[in-house]
Structure formats: structure tokens, C-alpha cells
Amino acid sequence: MKEKILFAFYIIGIIVLTSIHNVYFFIGSIVILFILSGRQFLKILKKTLKAILVFNSFITISYVGYAIYKDISWIDYILLINLRVFSITFLTFLFISKVNLFKALSFSKTLSYILVLSYTQILTFKKYLEDFKFALESRLLNKPKLSDSYNFVSSLFFYFFNKSINNSKEISQGMKSRGFFND
């Protein structure tokens, strides 16, 4: 029951964080989230920063360039967007660290089934990634050159992309055969 209540608060929190457009609200909510995280603060903070750093940097730089080109104000908007993304991501990692998702979604058979499918995909892909890293390390005597690293990453990207498309087709067929779609 506790997980379901926390899940409801999480959903409400996401709705509130996406609905309000006040920088001071986000600063206050981030402080509250930091306090709620307790001892896990640094761990969740690192995860959050890792998760949003590349994406937010790209979006921020792109928007600043566009705003300068169009001669429009950008500081308030960039601050708002970055604080929003940070607070939602931190809230999500905090929620995941405190709640068993399987118990939280146990009220819905369909959501539980989708969670199981997603979780098995994540674990499978994580295992594949570890296997690929070990395969690369076992075939090289020295640290790989930058070009070799790029080739490795691009090969991994295409492998995982194709694997996810094939898996989604198989999962979709399996769900259809079990009556999840009414088309």
C-alpha cells in the first residue's frame, strides 16, 4: 500500500513540476528533494547529473545560439528548462530508490506486465553491454585508439537499435496473442 501511495505522489509531483513555470518554485522543490533524499543525496545527484548533462548541454547551447541569432532573451527560459529537467530527473531517481516498482504497479495487471517486459529488456541489454565490453577488452592488448572506440560505440548503437526493434516486434506479437490489443 505504501508503494502505491508513493506512486500516486510521484505522478502528482510530475504533473506539478511540468505545470508550473516559476524558477523560484523549482529552486524550492529541488531543495525539498535534496532534503527528502537524505543519505542517498550524493548518489542520486551524481546519477541525475550524468543522465541530463549531455542532453541538456546540447539543448542549452542550441537554444542560446538560436536566441542570440534571433536577438531574444534566453536566460530565464534556459534556467527554467534546466531546473525543470533536473527536478523531474532527481524526483524520478529518488522515487526509484525508495519504491519497489513491482509493488507500486501491482494494482494493474497490464502495467505490471509492461514493467516486467521493460525490466527484462533492461537487464538483457545491460548483460549484452557488459559482454561487449569484456569482448573488446579481451581482444586488445593496449588501450583502444579513439577511432576504434568510435567504431565500437557505433557498432554497439546499431546492434542495440536493431535488437530493440526486433524485440519490440516479438513482444508486440506476444501481447497481441495474449489479448492486449483490440485492433
N, C-alpha and C. Protein backbone atom coordinates (compact mmCIF):
# COMPACT_ATOMS: atom_id res chain seq x y z
N MET A 1 0.83 -1.20 0.00
CA MET A 1 0.00 0.00 0.00
C MET A 1 0.87 1.26 0.00
N LYS A 2 1.99 1.21 0.75
CA LYS A 2 2.89 2.36 0.82
C LYS A 2 3.42 2.72 -0.57
N GLU A 3 3.80 1.69 -1.34
CA GLU A 3 4.34 1.92 -2.68
C GLU A 3 3.31 2.58 -3.59
N LYS A 4 2.06 2.16 -3.48
CA LYS A 4 1.00 2.73 -4.33
C LYS A 4 0.76 4.20 -3.98
N ILE A 5 0.81 4.52 -2.69
CA ILE A 5 0.63 5.91 -2.26
C ILE A 5 1.80 6.76 -2.75
N LEU A 6 3.02 6.24 -2.62
CA LEU A 6 4.18 6.98 -3.11
C LEU A 6 4.14 7.13 -4.63
N PHE A 7 3.64 6.12 -5.32
CA PHE A 7 3.49 6.21 -6.77
C PHE A 7 2.50 7.32 -7.13
N ALA A 8 1.40 7.42 -6.40
CA ALA A 8 0.43 8.50 -6.64
C ALA A 8 1.07 9.86 -6.40
N PHE A 9 1.84 9.99 -5.31
CA PHE A 9 2.55 11.25 -5.05
C PHE A 9 3.56 11.56 -6.15
N TYR A 10 4.22 10.53 -6.65
CA TYR A 10 5.18 10.72 -7.74
C TYR A 10 4.48 11.26 -8.99
N ILE A 11 3.37 10.65 -9.36
CA ILE A 11 2.62 11.11 -10.54
C ILE A 11 2.15 12.55 -10.34
N ILE A 12 1.62 12.85 -9.16
CA ILE A 12 1.19 14.23 -8.86
C ILE A 12 2.39 15.17 -8.93
N GLY A 13 3.52 14.75 -8.40
CA GLY A 13 4.73 15.57 -8.45
C GLY A 13 5.18 15.86 -9.86
N ILE A 14 5.12 14.86 -10.73
CA ILE A 14 5.49 15.06 -12.13
C ILE A 14 4.54 16.06 -12.79
N ILE A 15 3.25 15.91 -12.53
CA ILE A 15 2.26 16.82 -13.12
C ILE A 15 2.51 18.25 -12.63
N VAL A 16 2.75 18.41 -11.34
CA VAL A 16 3.00 19.74 -10.78
C VAL A 16 4.28 20.33 -11.38
N LEU A 17 5.35 19.54 -11.44
CA LEU A 17 6.62 20.04 -11.96
C LEU A 17 6.55 20.40 -13.44
N THR A 18 5.67 19.77 -14.19
CA THR A 18 5.54 20.12 -15.60
C THR A 18 4.54 21.25 -15.82
N SER A 19 3.74 21.57 -14.82
CA SER A 19 2.70 22.59 -14.99
C SER A 19 3.12 23.98 -14.53
N ILE A 20 4.05 24.07 -13.63
CA ILE A 20 4.41 25.36 -13.05
C ILE A 20 5.63 25.93 -13.79
N HIS A 21 5.61 27.24 -14.00
CA HIS A 21 6.65 27.90 -14.78
C HIS A 21 7.34 29.00 -13.98
N ASN A 22 7.70 28.70 -12.74
CA ASN A 22 8.32 29.68 -11.86
C ASN A 22 9.67 29.14 -11.39
N VAL A 23 10.72 29.89 -11.66
CA VAL A 23 12.08 29.46 -11.31
C VAL A 23 12.22 29.27 -9.80
N TYR A 24 11.64 30.16 -9.02
CA TYR A 24 11.75 30.06 -7.56
C TYR A 24 11.05 28.82 -7.03
N PHE A 25 9.96 28.43 -7.66
CA PHE A 25 9.28 27.18 -7.28
C PHE A 25 10.22 26.00 -7.49
N PHE A 26 10.92 25.98 -8.62
CA PHE A 26 11.83 24.87 -8.91
C PHE A 26 13.02 24.85 -7.96
N ILE A 27 13.53 26.00 -7.63
CA ILE A 27 14.64 26.05 -6.66
C ILE A 27 14.17 25.50 -5.32
N GLY A 28 12.98 25.90 -4.88
CA GLY A 28 12.43 25.39 -3.63
C GLY A 28 12.16 23.89 -3.69
N SER A 29 11.62 23.42 -4.81
CA SER A 29 11.33 21.99 -4.93
C SER A 29 12.62 21.17 -4.95
N ILE A 30 13.66 21.70 -5.56
CA ILE A 30 14.94 20.99 -5.58
C ILE A 30 15.51 20.90 -4.17
N VAL A 31 15.41 21.96 -3.41
CA VAL A 31 15.88 21.93 -2.01
C VAL A 31 15.10 20.87 -1.22
N ILE A 32 13.78 20.84 -1.40
CA ILE A 32 12.95 19.84 -0.71
C ILE A 32 13.35 18.43 -1.13
N LEU A 33 13.59 18.22 -2.43
CA LEU A 33 14.01 16.90 -2.92
C LEU A 33 15.36 16.51 -2.33
N PHE A 34 16.26 17.47 -2.21
CA PHE A 34 17.57 17.18 -1.60
C PHE A 34 17.38 16.72 -0.16
N ILE A 35 16.51 17.38 0.57
CA ILE A 35 16.26 17.02 1.97
C ILE A 35 15.62 15.63 2.04
N LEU A 36 14.66 15.36 1.17
CA LEU A 36 13.98 14.05 1.17
C LEU A 36 14.93 12.91 0.80
N SER A 37 15.95 13.20 0.02
CA SER A 37 16.86 12.13 -0.40
C SER A 37 17.75 11.64 0.73
N GLY A 38 17.95 12.45 1.75
CA GLY A 38 18.70 12.02 2.93
C GLY A 38 20.11 11.57 2.61
N ARG A 39 20.46 10.38 3.07
CA ARG A 39 21.82 9.86 2.90
C ARG A 39 22.14 9.53 1.45
N GLN A 40 21.13 9.35 0.64
CA GLN A 40 21.36 8.99 -0.76
C GLN A 40 21.56 10.22 -1.65
N PHE A 41 21.66 11.39 -1.04
CA PHE A 41 21.74 12.64 -1.79
C PHE A 41 22.84 12.62 -2.86
N LEU A 42 24.07 12.31 -2.46
CA LEU A 42 25.18 12.36 -3.42
C LEU A 42 25.03 11.33 -4.53
N LYS A 43 24.58 10.15 -4.19
CA LYS A 43 24.39 9.10 -5.19
C LYS A 43 23.34 9.51 -6.22
N ILE A 44 22.21 10.03 -5.75
CA ILE A 44 21.14 10.44 -6.66
C ILE A 44 21.56 11.67 -7.45
N LEU A 45 22.28 12.58 -6.82
CA LEU A 45 22.76 13.77 -7.52
C LEU A 45 23.69 13.40 -8.67
N LYS A 46 24.62 12.47 -8.42
CA LYS A 46 25.53 12.03 -9.48
C LYS A 46 24.77 11.38 -10.62
N LYS A 47 23.82 10.51 -10.30
CA LYS A 47 23.01 9.86 -11.34
C LYS A 47 22.25 10.89 -12.16
N THR A 48 21.68 11.86 -11.48
CA THR A 48 20.90 12.89 -12.16
C THR A 48 21.78 13.70 -13.10
N LEU A 49 22.92 14.13 -12.61
CA LEU A 49 23.82 14.93 -13.44
C LEU A 49 24.32 14.13 -14.64
N LYS A 50 24.65 12.85 -14.43
CA LYS A 50 25.08 12.01 -15.55
C LYS A 50 23.98 11.87 -16.59
N ALA A 51 22.76 11.70 -16.11
CA ALA A 51 21.64 11.46 -17.02
C ALA A 51 21.30 12.68 -17.87
N ILE A 52 21.44 13.87 -17.32
CA ILE A 52 20.97 15.05 -18.06
C ILE A 52 22.08 15.89 -18.67
N LEU A 53 23.32 15.64 -18.32
CA LEU A 53 24.40 16.53 -18.72
C LEU A 53 24.51 16.70 -20.23
N VAL A 54 24.63 15.62 -20.97
CA VAL A 54 24.83 15.71 -22.41
C VAL A 54 23.61 16.30 -23.10
N PHE A 55 22.45 15.77 -22.78
CA PHE A 55 21.22 16.24 -23.42
C PHE A 55 20.98 17.72 -23.13
N ASN A 56 21.03 18.10 -21.87
CA ASN A 56 20.76 19.49 -21.51
C ASN A 56 21.82 20.43 -22.08
N SER A 57 23.06 19.99 -22.12
CA SER A 57 24.11 20.83 -22.71
C SER A 57 23.81 21.11 -24.17
N PHE A 58 23.45 20.07 -24.90
CA PHE A 58 23.14 20.22 -26.33
C PHE A 58 21.95 21.15 -26.54
N ILE A 59 20.89 20.94 -25.79
CA ILE A 59 19.69 21.77 -25.91
C ILE A 59 19.99 23.21 -25.51
N THR A 60 20.72 23.39 -24.42
CA THR A 60 21.04 24.74 -23.95
C THR A 60 21.88 25.50 -24.97
N ILE A 61 22.93 24.87 -25.47
CA ILE A 61 23.79 25.53 -26.45
C ILE A 61 23.01 25.85 -27.72
N SER A 62 22.19 24.91 -28.17
CA SER A 62 21.38 25.15 -29.37
C SER A 62 20.43 26.31 -29.18
N TYR A 63 19.74 26.33 -28.05
CA TYR A 63 18.78 27.40 -27.82
C TYR A 63 19.47 28.76 -27.64
N VAL A 64 20.58 28.78 -26.95
CA VAL A 64 21.31 30.04 -26.77
C VAL A 64 21.77 30.57 -28.13
N GLY A 65 22.30 29.70 -28.96
CA GLY A 65 22.69 30.12 -30.31
C GLY A 65 21.52 30.67 -31.10
N TYR A 66 20.40 29.99 -31.04
CA TYR A 66 19.20 30.45 -31.74
C TYR A 66 18.72 31.79 -31.18
N ALA A 67 18.71 31.91 -29.86
CA ALA A 67 18.24 33.15 -29.22
C ALA A 67 19.15 34.33 -29.56
N ILE A 68 20.44 34.09 -29.59
CA ILE A 68 21.36 35.17 -29.96
C ILE A 68 21.14 35.56 -31.42
N TYR A 69 20.95 34.57 -32.28
CA TYR A 69 20.71 34.84 -33.70
C TYR A 69 19.42 35.65 -33.89
N LYS A 70 18.37 35.30 -33.15
CA LYS A 70 17.08 35.98 -33.26
C LYS A 70 16.99 37.21 -32.35
N ASP A 71 18.03 37.44 -31.55
CA ASP A 71 18.09 38.57 -30.62
C ASP A 71 16.90 38.58 -29.65
N ILE A 72 16.73 37.42 -28.98
CA ILE A 72 15.68 37.31 -27.96
C ILE A 72 16.32 36.92 -26.63
N SER A 73 15.62 37.20 -25.55
CA SER A 73 16.11 36.87 -24.22
C SER A 73 16.09 35.36 -24.02
N TRP A 74 17.14 34.82 -23.43
CA TRP A 74 17.22 33.37 -23.29
C TRP A 74 17.52 32.91 -21.87
N ILE A 75 18.03 33.75 -21.03
CA ILE A 75 18.50 33.32 -19.70
C ILE A 75 17.36 32.73 -18.86
N ASP A 76 16.23 33.42 -18.80
CA ASP A 76 15.12 32.94 -17.97
C ASP A 76 14.60 31.59 -18.46
N TYR A 77 14.45 31.47 -19.78
CA TYR A 77 13.92 30.23 -20.35
C TYR A 77 14.88 29.06 -20.11
N ILE A 78 16.16 29.27 -20.36
CA ILE A 78 17.15 28.21 -20.17
C ILE A 78 17.22 27.79 -18.71
N LEU A 79 17.20 28.76 -17.82
CA LEU A 79 17.22 28.45 -16.39
C LEU A 79 15.99 27.63 -16.00
N LEU A 80 14.82 28.04 -16.48
CA LEU A 80 13.58 27.33 -16.18
C LEU A 80 13.62 25.89 -16.70
N ILE A 81 13.99 25.72 -17.95
CA ILE A 81 14.01 24.38 -18.55
C ILE A 81 15.02 23.47 -17.83
N ASN A 82 16.22 23.98 -17.58
CA ASN A 82 17.23 23.15 -16.92
C ASN A 82 16.84 22.79 -15.50
N LEU A 83 16.24 23.73 -14.77
CA LEU A 83 15.77 23.42 -13.41
C LEU A 83 14.63 22.41 -13.45
N ARG A 84 13.74 22.54 -14.43
CA ARG A 84 12.62 21.60 -14.55
C ARG A 84 13.15 20.19 -14.83
N VAL A 85 14.03 20.07 -15.80
CA VAL A 85 14.57 18.75 -16.15
C VAL A 85 15.33 18.15 -14.97
N PHE A 86 16.12 18.97 -14.29
CA PHE A 86 16.87 18.48 -13.13
C PHE A 86 15.92 17.99 -12.04
N SER A 87 14.90 18.78 -11.73
CA SER A 87 13.99 18.40 -10.63
C SER A 87 13.19 17.15 -10.97
N ILE A 88 12.73 17.02 -12.20
CA ILE A 88 11.97 15.83 -12.59
C ILE A 88 12.87 14.60 -12.58
N THR A 89 14.09 14.75 -13.09
CA THR A 89 15.01 13.61 -13.11
C THR A 89 15.42 13.21 -11.70
N PHE A 90 15.70 14.19 -10.85
CA PHE A 90 16.06 13.89 -9.46
C PHE A 90 14.89 13.21 -8.75
N LEU A 91 13.68 13.73 -8.96
CA LEU A 91 12.49 13.12 -8.35
C LEU A 91 12.34 11.67 -8.81
N THR A 92 12.57 11.42 -10.08
CA THR A 92 12.44 10.06 -10.61
C THR A 92 13.46 9.12 -9.98
N PHE A 93 14.71 9.55 -9.90
CA PHE A 93 15.72 8.69 -9.28
C PHE A 93 15.45 8.50 -7.78
N LEU A 94 14.97 9.53 -7.13
CA LEU A 94 14.60 9.41 -5.72
C LEU A 94 13.46 8.40 -5.56
N PHE A 95 12.45 8.50 -6.41
CA PHE A 95 11.31 7.58 -6.37
C PHE A 95 11.78 6.14 -6.59
N ILE A 96 12.61 5.93 -7.59
CA ILE A 96 13.09 4.58 -7.89
C ILE A 96 13.91 4.01 -6.74
N SER A 97 14.66 4.87 -6.05
CA SER A 97 15.48 4.38 -4.94
C SER A 97 14.66 4.02 -3.70
N LYS A 98 13.47 4.58 -3.58
CA LYS A 98 12.66 4.37 -2.37
C LYS A 98 11.52 3.37 -2.56
N VAL A 99 11.13 3.11 -3.81
CA VAL A 99 9.90 2.35 -4.07
C VAL A 99 10.19 1.12 -4.92
N ASN A 100 9.54 0.03 -4.56
CA ASN A 100 9.57 -1.18 -5.38
C ASN A 100 8.51 -1.00 -6.47
N LEU A 101 8.96 -0.83 -7.71
CA LEU A 101 8.02 -0.56 -8.81
C LEU A 101 7.02 -1.69 -9.02
N PHE A 102 7.45 -2.91 -8.78
CA PHE A 102 6.55 -4.04 -8.97
C PHE A 102 5.37 -3.98 -8.00
N LYS A 103 5.64 -3.58 -6.76
CA LYS A 103 4.55 -3.42 -5.80
C LYS A 103 3.70 -2.19 -6.13
N ALA A 104 4.36 -1.12 -6.58
CA ALA A 104 3.64 0.12 -6.87
C ALA A 104 2.66 -0.05 -8.03
N LEU A 105 3.01 -0.88 -9.00
CA LEU A 105 2.15 -1.07 -10.17
C LEU A 105 1.31 -2.34 -10.09
N SER A 106 1.28 -2.97 -8.93
CA SER A 106 0.54 -4.22 -8.78
C SER A 106 -0.97 -4.05 -8.90
N PHE A 107 -1.46 -2.81 -8.84
CA PHE A 107 -2.90 -2.57 -8.98
C PHE A 107 -3.39 -2.80 -10.41
N SER A 108 -2.48 -2.84 -11.37
CA SER A 108 -2.86 -3.02 -12.77
C SER A 108 -2.09 -4.18 -13.38
N LYS A 109 -2.82 -5.16 -13.87
CA LYS A 109 -2.19 -6.32 -14.48
C LYS A 109 -1.41 -5.91 -15.73
N THR A 110 -1.98 -5.00 -16.52
CA THR A 110 -1.33 -4.56 -17.75
C THR A 110 -0.04 -3.80 -17.45
N LEU A 111 -0.09 -2.86 -16.50
CA LEU A 111 1.12 -2.11 -16.15
C LEU A 111 2.19 -3.02 -15.57
N SER A 112 1.78 -3.99 -14.77
CA SER A 112 2.75 -4.94 -14.21
C SER A 112 3.40 -5.75 -15.32
N TYR A 113 2.62 -6.16 -16.29
CA TYR A 113 3.15 -6.93 -17.41
C TYR A 113 4.14 -6.09 -18.22
N ILE A 114 3.78 -4.84 -18.48
CA ILE A 114 4.67 -3.95 -19.23
C ILE A 114 5.96 -3.69 -18.45
N LEU A 115 5.85 -3.54 -17.14
CA LEU A 115 7.04 -3.35 -16.31
C LEU A 115 7.95 -4.57 -16.37
N VAL A 116 7.38 -5.75 -16.30
CA VAL A 116 8.18 -6.97 -16.38
C VAL A 116 8.90 -7.03 -17.73
N LEU A 117 8.18 -6.73 -18.81
CA LEU A 117 8.81 -6.73 -20.13
C LEU A 117 9.95 -5.71 -20.20
N SER A 118 9.70 -4.52 -19.71
CA SER A 118 10.72 -3.47 -19.74
C SER A 118 11.93 -3.85 -18.90
N TYR A 119 11.66 -4.36 -17.72
CA TYR A 119 12.74 -4.72 -16.81
C TYR A 119 13.60 -5.84 -17.38
N THR A 120 12.98 -6.83 -17.99
CA THR A 120 13.76 -7.91 -18.60
C THR A 120 14.58 -7.38 -19.78
N GLN A 121 14.02 -6.44 -20.54
CA GLN A 121 14.78 -5.84 -21.63
C GLN A 121 16.00 -5.09 -21.09
N ILE A 122 15.80 -4.33 -20.03
CA ILE A 122 16.90 -3.57 -19.44
C ILE A 122 17.99 -4.51 -18.95
N LEU A 123 17.61 -5.55 -18.23
CA LEU A 123 18.60 -6.50 -17.72
C LEU A 123 19.32 -7.22 -18.85
N THR A 124 18.59 -7.59 -19.90
CA THR A 124 19.20 -8.26 -21.04
C THR A 124 20.19 -7.35 -21.74
N PHE A 125 19.79 -6.11 -21.99
CA PHE A 125 20.68 -5.17 -22.68
C PHE A 125 21.89 -4.83 -21.81
N LYS A 126 21.70 -4.76 -20.51
CA LYS A 126 22.82 -4.49 -19.61
C LYS A 126 23.83 -5.64 -19.69
N LYS A 127 23.33 -6.86 -19.72
CA LYS A 127 24.20 -8.04 -19.85
C LYS A 127 24.94 -8.02 -21.18
N TYR A 128 24.22 -7.71 -22.27
CA TYR A 128 24.87 -7.61 -23.58
C TYR A 128 25.98 -6.57 -23.57
N LEU A 129 25.72 -5.42 -22.96
CA LEU A 129 26.72 -4.35 -22.91
C LEU A 129 27.97 -4.81 -22.16
N GLU A 130 27.77 -5.47 -21.03
CA GLU A 130 28.92 -6.00 -20.28
C GLU A 130 29.69 -7.02 -21.12
N ASP A 131 28.97 -7.89 -21.82
CA ASP A 131 29.62 -8.89 -22.67
C ASP A 131 30.43 -8.22 -23.79
N PHE A 132 29.88 -7.19 -24.39
CA PHE A 132 30.60 -6.48 -25.45
C PHE A 132 31.86 -5.80 -24.90
N LYS A 133 31.75 -5.21 -23.72
CA LYS A 133 32.93 -4.57 -23.11
C LYS A 133 34.01 -5.60 -22.82
N PHE A 134 33.62 -6.74 -22.27
CA PHE A 134 34.59 -7.80 -21.99
C PHE A 134 35.20 -8.34 -23.29
N ALA A 135 34.40 -8.45 -24.33
CA ALA A 135 34.90 -8.93 -25.62
C ALA A 135 35.93 -7.96 -26.18
N LEU A 136 35.67 -6.68 -26.07
CA LEU A 136 36.62 -5.68 -26.56
C LEU A 136 37.92 -5.73 -25.76
N GLU A 137 37.79 -5.79 -24.44
CA GLU A 137 38.99 -5.83 -23.59
C GLU A 137 39.82 -7.09 -23.84
N SER A 138 39.17 -8.21 -24.09
CA SER A 138 39.90 -9.46 -24.27
C SER A 138 40.62 -9.53 -25.61
N ARG A 139 40.22 -8.70 -26.57
CA ARG A 139 40.83 -8.73 -27.90
C ARG A 139 41.90 -7.66 -28.10
N LEU A 140 42.08 -6.80 -27.11
CA LEU A 140 43.06 -5.72 -27.24
C LEU A 140 44.14 -5.85 -26.16
N LEU A 141 45.37 -5.62 -26.58
CA LEU A 141 46.46 -5.61 -25.61
C LEU A 141 46.65 -4.23 -25.00
N ASN A 142 46.44 -3.21 -25.81
CA ASN A 142 46.61 -1.82 -25.36
C ASN A 142 45.26 -1.13 -25.33
N LYS A 143 45.27 0.06 -24.78
CA LYS A 143 44.05 0.86 -24.77
C LYS A 143 43.66 1.16 -26.22
N PRO A 144 42.37 1.03 -26.57
CA PRO A 144 41.97 1.25 -27.96
C PRO A 144 42.17 2.70 -28.40
N LYS A 145 42.48 2.86 -29.70
CA LYS A 145 42.59 4.21 -30.26
C LYS A 145 41.21 4.85 -30.28
N LEU A 146 41.20 6.15 -30.43
CA LEU A 146 39.94 6.88 -30.45
C LEU A 146 39.05 6.40 -31.59
N SER A 147 39.64 6.16 -32.75
CA SER A 147 38.84 5.68 -33.89
C SER A 147 38.25 4.30 -33.60
N ASP A 148 39.02 3.45 -32.93
CA ASP A 148 38.50 2.12 -32.55
C ASP A 148 37.34 2.25 -31.56
N SER A 149 37.47 3.18 -30.64
CA SER A 149 36.39 3.41 -29.67
C SER A 149 35.13 3.89 -30.37
N TYR A 150 35.29 4.81 -31.33
CA TYR A 150 34.13 5.29 -32.09
C TYR A 150 33.48 4.16 -32.88
N ASN A 151 34.30 3.33 -33.50
CA ASN A 151 33.75 2.19 -34.25
C ASN A 151 33.01 1.23 -33.32
N PHE A 152 33.58 1.00 -32.15
CA PHE A 152 32.95 0.11 -31.18
C PHE A 152 31.60 0.67 -30.74
N VAL A 153 31.57 1.96 -30.40
CA VAL A 153 30.33 2.58 -29.94
C VAL A 153 29.28 2.60 -31.05
N SER A 154 29.69 2.91 -32.27
CA SER A 154 28.71 2.93 -33.37
C SER A 154 28.18 1.52 -33.65
N SER A 155 29.04 0.53 -33.57
CA SER A 155 28.58 -0.86 -33.76
C SER A 155 27.60 -1.25 -32.66
N LEU A 156 27.92 -0.86 -31.42
CA LEU A 156 27.01 -1.14 -30.31
C LEU A 156 25.67 -0.46 -30.52
N PHE A 157 25.71 0.79 -30.95
CA PHE A 157 24.47 1.53 -31.17
C PHE A 157 23.59 0.81 -32.19
N PHE A 158 24.17 0.44 -33.32
CA PHE A 158 23.37 -0.24 -34.34
C PHE A 158 22.90 -1.61 -33.88
N TYR A 159 23.73 -2.32 -33.13
CA TYR A 159 23.31 -3.61 -32.60
C TYR A 159 22.10 -3.46 -31.68
N PHE A 160 22.21 -2.55 -30.71
CA PHE A 160 21.12 -2.36 -29.76
C PHE A 160 19.88 -1.79 -30.44
N PHE A 161 20.07 -0.93 -31.42
CA PHE A 161 18.93 -0.39 -32.15
C PHE A 161 18.18 -1.50 -32.88
N ASN A 162 18.91 -2.32 -33.62
CA ASN A 162 18.27 -3.42 -34.34
C ASN A 162 17.68 -4.45 -33.39
N LYS A 163 18.39 -4.73 -32.31
CA LYS A 163 17.89 -5.70 -31.32
C LYS A 163 16.59 -5.19 -30.68
N SER A 164 16.53 -3.90 -30.37
CA SER A 164 15.32 -3.37 -29.75
C SER A 164 14.15 -3.37 -30.72
N ILE A 165 14.41 -3.11 -32.00
CA ILE A 165 13.32 -3.17 -32.99
C ILE A 165 12.80 -4.60 -33.11
N ASN A 166 13.72 -5.56 -33.23
CA ASN A 166 13.30 -6.96 -33.33
C ASN A 166 12.57 -7.42 -32.07
N ASN A 167 13.08 -7.05 -30.90
CA ASN A 167 12.41 -7.42 -29.65
C ASN A 167 11.03 -6.79 -29.54
N SER A 168 10.91 -5.54 -29.97
CA SER A 168 9.60 -4.89 -29.88
C SER A 168 8.58 -5.57 -30.79
N LYS A 169 9.03 -6.03 -31.95
CA LYS A 169 8.12 -6.76 -32.84
C LYS A 169 7.66 -8.07 -32.18
N GLU A 170 8.62 -8.79 -31.60
CA GLU A 170 8.28 -10.05 -30.94
C GLU A 170 7.37 -9.83 -29.74
N ILE A 171 7.66 -8.81 -28.95
CA ILE A 171 6.84 -8.51 -27.78
C ILE A 171 5.44 -8.10 -28.21
N SER A 172 5.36 -7.30 -29.25
CA SER A 172 4.05 -6.87 -29.76
C SER A 172 3.23 -8.07 -30.22
N GLN A 173 3.86 -9.00 -30.91
CA GLN A 173 3.15 -10.20 -31.35
C GLN A 173 2.71 -11.04 -30.14
N GLY A 174 3.59 -11.15 -29.16
CA GLY A 174 3.24 -11.90 -27.95
C GLY A 174 2.08 -11.25 -27.20
N MET A 175 2.08 -9.92 -27.13
CA MET A 175 0.99 -9.22 -26.43
C MET A 175 -0.32 -9.35 -27.21
N LYS A 176 -0.24 -9.30 -28.54
CA LYS A 176 -1.45 -9.49 -29.34
C LYS A 176 -2.04 -10.88 -29.11
N SER A 177 -1.17 -11.87 -29.06
CA SER A 177 -1.66 -13.24 -28.88
C SER A 177 -2.27 -13.45 -27.50
N ARG A 178 -1.93 -12.58 -26.55
CA ARG A 178 -2.49 -12.67 -25.20
C ARG A 178 -3.64 -11.70 -24.97
N GLY A 179 -4.06 -11.03 -26.05
CA GLY A 179 -5.25 -10.18 -25.96
C GLY A 179 -5.02 -8.78 -25.44
N PHE A 180 -3.80 -8.25 -25.53
CA PHE A 180 -3.55 -6.90 -25.02
C PHE A 180 -4.01 -5.81 -25.99
N PHE A 181 -4.12 -6.13 -27.27
CA PHE A 181 -4.55 -5.14 -28.26
C PHE A 181 -5.90 -5.55 -28.82
N ASN A 182 -6.75 -4.58 -29.06
CA ASN A 182 -8.09 -4.87 -29.57
C ASN A 182 -8.26 -4.40 -31.01
N ASP A 183 -7.24 -4.45 -31.82
CA ASP A 183 -7.38 -3.96 -33.20
C ASP A 183 -7.64 -5.04 -34.19
